[in-house]
Structure formats: C-alpha cells, structure tokens
Amino acid sequence: MAGDLTGVQAYQAAIRSAQNAVGNGGEKVDAGGFGFGDMVAEAISQTSSSLGHAEQMTAASATGDAELIDVATAVSAAEISLETMVAVRDEVVRAYQEILRMPI
C-alpha cells in the first residue's frame, strides 16, 4: 500500500511542477529550461529540507521545546518524502535498464 501512495504522491508533485510552469491565464511561461532534471533536483532539495526539519523537531522534542505530535508529523512527512524519492529513483533505474536491453 505504501508503494501505491508514493507513486501517487510523485505524480501529484510532477503535476504541481507542471502547473507552476503555466501562467494564470493558461499561457505557457518560460520556465528557463525547466525539465525532468530540474524537477528531480527540486524534489531532492525538498526532501533534504524535510529531513532537516524532522531532525530539528526531534532535537526540540528532546529539550522539551516541541510537542510530540509535531515531531511525529515532521518525521512522517520526511519519511513520505524520502519514500517518494526512492520510488522515483527505482523507476529511473528500471527505465535505464530497459533502455540498455533494447536492441540497436
């Protein structure tokens, strides 16, 4: 079930990224070469910041500055983000291996 959710979340993130490249009136905005690599780099950056936030919340909980529910939410969000990146990585590797198997 978790694999199904990470695929859906990756798809939703891709849709949001594509929508950000379109203006309010539906006209295409120059995204400055925004492509798959840029989308992956942005996702990696977001995952890294999510993991950092979870670490900060865990440290704050140890000192008594954060509620347990906030820590659990931050850790859960970081876990989902990391699982999404792992799922995307696995699909990219699988696609690459499929390309290598293609006859010339």
N, C-alpha and C. Protein backbone atom coordinates (compact mmCIF):
# COMPACT_ATOMS: atom_id res chain seq x y z
N MET A 1 0.83 -1.20 0.00
CA MET A 1 0.00 0.00 0.00
C MET A 1 0.86 1.25 0.00
N ALA A 2 1.98 1.24 0.74
CA ALA A 2 2.85 2.41 0.79
C ALA A 2 3.45 2.71 -0.57
N GLY A 3 3.75 1.67 -1.37
CA GLY A 3 4.28 1.88 -2.70
C GLY A 3 3.29 2.58 -3.60
N ASP A 4 2.00 2.25 -3.43
CA ASP A 4 0.96 2.90 -4.22
C ASP A 4 0.86 4.38 -3.87
N LEU A 5 0.96 4.70 -2.59
CA LEU A 5 0.86 6.09 -2.17
C LEU A 5 2.05 6.91 -2.65
N THR A 6 3.25 6.36 -2.62
CA THR A 6 4.41 7.13 -3.04
C THR A 6 4.35 7.41 -4.53
N GLY A 7 3.84 6.48 -5.31
CA GLY A 7 3.68 6.71 -6.75
C GLY A 7 2.69 7.83 -7.01
N VAL A 8 1.59 7.83 -6.28
CA VAL A 8 0.57 8.88 -6.43
C VAL A 8 1.15 10.22 -6.02
N GLN A 9 1.89 10.24 -4.93
CA GLN A 9 2.48 11.49 -4.46
C GLN A 9 3.51 12.02 -5.43
N ALA A 10 4.30 11.14 -6.04
CA ALA A 10 5.27 11.57 -7.04
C ALA A 10 4.54 12.15 -8.26
N TYR A 11 3.45 11.52 -8.64
CA TYR A 11 2.66 12.01 -9.76
C TYR A 11 2.07 13.38 -9.44
N GLN A 12 1.55 13.56 -8.22
CA GLN A 12 1.00 14.84 -7.82
C GLN A 12 2.07 15.93 -7.79
N ALA A 13 3.28 15.59 -7.35
CA ALA A 13 4.37 16.57 -7.34
C ALA A 13 4.73 16.97 -8.76
N ALA A 14 4.71 16.02 -9.69
CA ALA A 14 5.01 16.34 -11.09
C ALA A 14 3.94 17.25 -11.66
N ILE A 15 2.69 17.02 -11.32
CA ILE A 15 1.59 17.87 -11.80
C ILE A 15 1.75 19.28 -11.25
N ARG A 16 2.07 19.40 -9.95
CA ARG A 16 2.25 20.73 -9.36
C ARG A 16 3.39 21.47 -10.05
N SER A 17 4.48 20.77 -10.34
CA SER A 17 5.61 21.41 -11.01
C SER A 17 5.22 21.87 -12.40
N ALA A 18 4.44 21.07 -13.11
CA ALA A 18 3.99 21.45 -14.45
C ALA A 18 3.04 22.64 -14.38
N GLN A 19 2.17 22.65 -13.37
CA GLN A 19 1.23 23.76 -13.23
C GLN A 19 1.95 25.06 -12.88
N ASN A 20 3.04 24.96 -12.15
CA ASN A 20 3.81 26.16 -11.81
C ASN A 20 4.46 26.77 -13.04
N ALA A 21 4.67 25.96 -14.09
CA ALA A 21 5.28 26.47 -15.31
C ALA A 21 4.24 27.10 -16.24
N VAL A 22 2.95 27.06 -15.85
CA VAL A 22 1.88 27.64 -16.66
C VAL A 22 1.33 28.85 -15.92
N GLY A 23 1.11 29.93 -16.63
CA GLY A 23 0.60 31.16 -16.02
C GLY A 23 -0.86 31.04 -15.63
N ASN A 24 -1.41 32.09 -15.00
CA ASN A 24 -2.79 32.08 -14.53
C ASN A 24 -3.78 31.96 -15.66
N GLY A 25 -3.52 32.58 -16.80
CA GLY A 25 -4.44 32.53 -17.92
C GLY A 25 -4.28 31.29 -18.77
N GLY A 26 -3.42 30.39 -18.38
CA GLY A 26 -3.21 29.16 -19.11
C GLY A 26 -2.07 29.27 -20.11
N GLU A 27 -1.51 30.48 -20.28
CA GLU A 27 -0.40 30.64 -21.22
C GLU A 27 0.87 30.05 -20.64
N LYS A 28 1.69 29.53 -21.50
CA LYS A 28 2.94 28.91 -21.07
C LYS A 28 3.94 29.99 -20.68
N VAL A 29 4.52 29.85 -19.52
CA VAL A 29 5.52 30.78 -19.02
C VAL A 29 6.89 30.15 -19.27
N ASP A 30 7.84 30.94 -19.71
CA ASP A 30 9.18 30.42 -19.93
C ASP A 30 9.76 29.97 -18.60
N ALA A 31 9.98 28.68 -18.49
CA ALA A 31 10.47 28.11 -17.24
C ALA A 31 12.00 28.09 -17.20
N GLY A 32 12.64 28.68 -18.18
CA GLY A 32 14.10 28.74 -18.18
C GLY A 32 14.72 27.36 -18.29
N GLY A 33 14.17 26.52 -19.16
CA GLY A 33 14.73 25.19 -19.35
C GLY A 33 14.33 24.21 -18.28
N PHE A 34 13.23 24.45 -17.61
CA PHE A 34 12.76 23.56 -16.56
C PHE A 34 12.41 22.22 -17.18
N GLY A 35 13.08 21.17 -16.74
CA GLY A 35 12.85 19.85 -17.28
C GLY A 35 12.84 18.81 -16.19
N PHE A 36 12.99 17.57 -16.61
CA PHE A 36 12.94 16.46 -15.66
C PHE A 36 14.07 16.56 -14.64
N GLY A 37 15.25 16.89 -15.10
CA GLY A 37 16.39 17.02 -14.18
C GLY A 37 16.17 18.10 -13.14
N ASP A 38 15.58 19.22 -13.57
CA ASP A 38 15.28 20.30 -12.63
C ASP A 38 14.23 19.87 -11.62
N MET A 39 13.24 19.11 -12.10
CA MET A 39 12.19 18.63 -11.21
C MET A 39 12.78 17.67 -10.17
N VAL A 40 13.68 16.80 -10.59
CA VAL A 40 14.31 15.86 -9.66
C VAL A 40 15.19 16.62 -8.67
N ALA A 41 15.94 17.61 -9.15
CA ALA A 41 16.79 18.40 -8.26
C ALA A 41 15.95 19.14 -7.22
N GLU A 42 14.81 19.68 -7.63
CA GLU A 42 13.92 20.37 -6.70
C GLU A 42 13.35 19.39 -5.68
N ALA A 43 12.98 18.20 -6.13
CA ALA A 43 12.44 17.19 -5.22
C ALA A 43 13.50 16.75 -4.21
N ILE A 44 14.73 16.62 -4.66
CA ILE A 44 15.82 16.25 -3.75
C ILE A 44 16.03 17.35 -2.71
N SER A 45 15.97 18.59 -3.16
CA SER A 45 16.13 19.71 -2.24
C SER A 45 15.00 19.74 -1.20
N GLN A 46 13.78 19.51 -1.65
CA GLN A 46 12.64 19.49 -0.73
C GLN A 46 12.75 18.33 0.25
N THR A 47 13.20 17.18 -0.23
CA THR A 47 13.38 16.02 0.64
C THR A 47 14.44 16.31 1.69
N SER A 48 15.53 16.92 1.27
CA SER A 48 16.60 17.27 2.20
C SER A 48 16.12 18.23 3.28
N SER A 49 15.37 19.25 2.87
CA SER A 49 14.86 20.21 3.86
C SER A 49 13.83 19.56 4.78
N SER A 50 13.04 18.62 4.25
CA SER A 50 12.07 17.91 5.08
C SER A 50 12.77 17.05 6.12
N LEU A 51 13.85 16.38 5.71
CA LEU A 51 14.63 15.57 6.65
C LEU A 51 15.30 16.45 7.71
N GLY A 52 15.80 17.60 7.28
CA GLY A 52 16.41 18.53 8.23
C GLY A 52 15.41 19.05 9.24
N HIS A 53 14.20 19.35 8.77
CA HIS A 53 13.15 19.83 9.67
C HIS A 53 12.78 18.75 10.68
N ALA A 54 12.71 17.50 10.22
CA ALA A 54 12.39 16.40 11.13
C ALA A 54 13.47 16.26 12.20
N GLU A 55 14.73 16.41 11.80
CA GLU A 55 15.82 16.34 12.78
C GLU A 55 15.73 17.47 13.79
N GLN A 56 15.40 18.68 13.31
CA GLN A 56 15.27 19.83 14.22
C GLN A 56 14.13 19.62 15.21
N MET A 57 13.02 19.07 14.71
CA MET A 57 11.88 18.83 15.58
C MET A 57 12.20 17.75 16.61
N THR A 58 12.95 16.74 16.21
CA THR A 58 13.35 15.69 17.14
C THR A 58 14.25 16.26 18.24
N ALA A 59 15.19 17.11 17.84
CA ALA A 59 16.07 17.74 18.83
C ALA A 59 15.28 18.66 19.75
N ALA A 60 14.31 19.39 19.19
CA ALA A 60 13.49 20.29 20.01
C ALA A 60 12.64 19.49 20.99
N SER A 61 12.20 18.32 20.57
CA SER A 61 11.41 17.47 21.46
C SER A 61 12.26 16.97 22.62
N ALA A 62 13.51 16.68 22.35
CA ALA A 62 14.41 16.19 23.40
C ALA A 62 14.64 17.25 24.47
N THR A 63 14.61 18.52 24.06
CA THR A 63 14.79 19.60 25.03
C THR A 63 13.47 20.08 25.61
N GLY A 64 12.36 19.53 25.12
CA GLY A 64 11.05 19.92 25.63
C GLY A 64 10.45 21.13 24.94
N ASP A 65 11.02 21.55 23.81
CA ASP A 65 10.53 22.73 23.11
C ASP A 65 9.48 22.41 22.04
N ALA A 66 9.21 21.14 21.78
CA ALA A 66 8.25 20.77 20.75
C ALA A 66 7.32 19.69 21.26
N GLU A 67 6.09 19.74 20.78
CA GLU A 67 5.09 18.73 21.15
C GLU A 67 5.36 17.44 20.38
N LEU A 68 4.99 16.34 20.96
CA LEU A 68 5.21 15.04 20.34
C LEU A 68 4.47 14.90 19.02
N ILE A 69 3.28 15.45 18.92
CA ILE A 69 2.50 15.35 17.67
C ILE A 69 3.20 16.11 16.54
N ASP A 70 3.83 17.23 16.85
CA ASP A 70 4.57 17.98 15.84
C ASP A 70 5.78 17.18 15.35
N VAL A 71 6.44 16.51 16.26
CA VAL A 71 7.59 15.68 15.90
C VAL A 71 7.14 14.52 15.03
N ALA A 72 6.06 13.87 15.43
CA ALA A 72 5.54 12.74 14.65
C ALA A 72 5.13 13.17 13.26
N THR A 73 4.51 14.33 13.14
CA THR A 73 4.09 14.85 11.84
C THR A 73 5.30 15.16 10.97
N ALA A 74 6.32 15.79 11.54
CA ALA A 74 7.52 16.12 10.77
C ALA A 74 8.26 14.87 10.32
N VAL A 75 8.38 13.89 11.19
CA VAL A 75 9.06 12.65 10.84
C VAL A 75 8.27 11.89 9.78
N SER A 76 6.96 11.88 9.91
CA SER A 76 6.11 11.21 8.93
C SER A 76 6.23 11.87 7.56
N ALA A 77 6.22 13.19 7.53
CA ALA A 77 6.37 13.91 6.26
C ALA A 77 7.72 13.64 5.63
N ALA A 78 8.76 13.59 6.44
CA ALA A 78 10.10 13.30 5.93
C ALA A 78 10.17 11.87 5.39
N GLU A 79 9.53 10.95 6.07
CA GLU A 79 9.53 9.56 5.62
C GLU A 79 8.81 9.42 4.28
N ILE A 80 7.68 10.08 4.14
CA ILE A 80 6.93 10.02 2.87
C ILE A 80 7.74 10.65 1.75
N SER A 81 8.38 11.76 2.04
CA SER A 81 9.20 12.43 1.04
C SER A 81 10.36 11.55 0.60
N LEU A 82 11.01 10.90 1.55
CA LEU A 82 12.13 10.02 1.23
C LEU A 82 11.66 8.80 0.44
N GLU A 83 10.53 8.23 0.83
CA GLU A 83 9.98 7.08 0.10
C GLU A 83 9.63 7.46 -1.34
N THR A 84 9.13 8.67 -1.52
CA THR A 84 8.81 9.14 -2.87
C THR A 84 10.07 9.24 -3.72
N MET A 85 11.13 9.80 -3.14
CA MET A 85 12.39 9.92 -3.89
C MET A 85 12.97 8.54 -4.21
N VAL A 86 12.86 7.61 -3.30
CA VAL A 86 13.35 6.26 -3.55
C VAL A 86 12.54 5.60 -4.67
N ALA A 87 11.23 5.82 -4.67
CA ALA A 87 10.37 5.26 -5.72
C ALA A 87 10.72 5.85 -7.08
N VAL A 88 10.97 7.16 -7.12
CA VAL A 88 11.35 7.80 -8.38
C VAL A 88 12.70 7.27 -8.84
N ARG A 89 13.65 7.16 -7.92
CA ARG A 89 14.96 6.61 -8.26
C ARG A 89 14.85 5.21 -8.83
N ASP A 90 14.04 4.37 -8.19
CA ASP A 90 13.87 3.00 -8.65
C ASP A 90 13.29 2.96 -10.06
N GLU A 91 12.33 3.84 -10.35
CA GLU A 91 11.73 3.88 -11.68
C GLU A 91 12.73 4.37 -12.73
N VAL A 92 13.56 5.34 -12.37
CA VAL A 92 14.57 5.84 -13.30
C VAL A 92 15.59 4.73 -13.61
N VAL A 93 16.02 4.01 -12.58
CA VAL A 93 16.97 2.91 -12.79
C VAL A 93 16.33 1.82 -13.63
N ARG A 94 15.08 1.51 -13.35
CA ARG A 94 14.38 0.49 -14.12
C ARG A 94 14.25 0.91 -15.59
N ALA A 95 13.93 2.17 -15.83
CA ALA A 95 13.82 2.66 -17.21
C ALA A 95 15.18 2.62 -17.91
N TYR A 96 16.24 2.99 -17.20
CA TYR A 96 17.58 2.95 -17.77
C TYR A 96 17.98 1.52 -18.14
N GLN A 97 17.68 0.59 -17.25
CA GLN A 97 17.99 -0.81 -17.53
C GLN A 97 17.19 -1.32 -18.74
N GLU A 98 15.97 -0.87 -18.86
CA GLU A 98 15.13 -1.25 -20.01
C GLU A 98 15.72 -0.70 -21.30
N ILE A 99 16.21 0.52 -21.25
CA ILE A 99 16.83 1.13 -22.44
C ILE A 99 18.09 0.35 -22.82
N LEU A 100 18.86 -0.07 -21.82
CA LEU A 100 20.08 -0.84 -22.11
C LEU A 100 19.76 -2.18 -22.77
N ARG A 101 18.61 -2.74 -22.47
CA ARG A 101 18.22 -4.04 -23.05
C ARG A 101 17.66 -3.92 -24.46
N MET A 102 17.39 -2.71 -24.92
CA MET A 102 16.81 -2.53 -26.26
C MET A 102 17.84 -2.89 -27.33
N PRO A 103 17.37 -3.58 -28.37
CA PRO A 103 18.30 -3.89 -29.46
C PRO A 103 18.58 -2.63 -30.27
N ILE A 104 19.77 -2.60 -30.83
CA ILE A 104 20.16 -1.41 -31.63
C ILE A 104 19.63 -1.53 -33.03
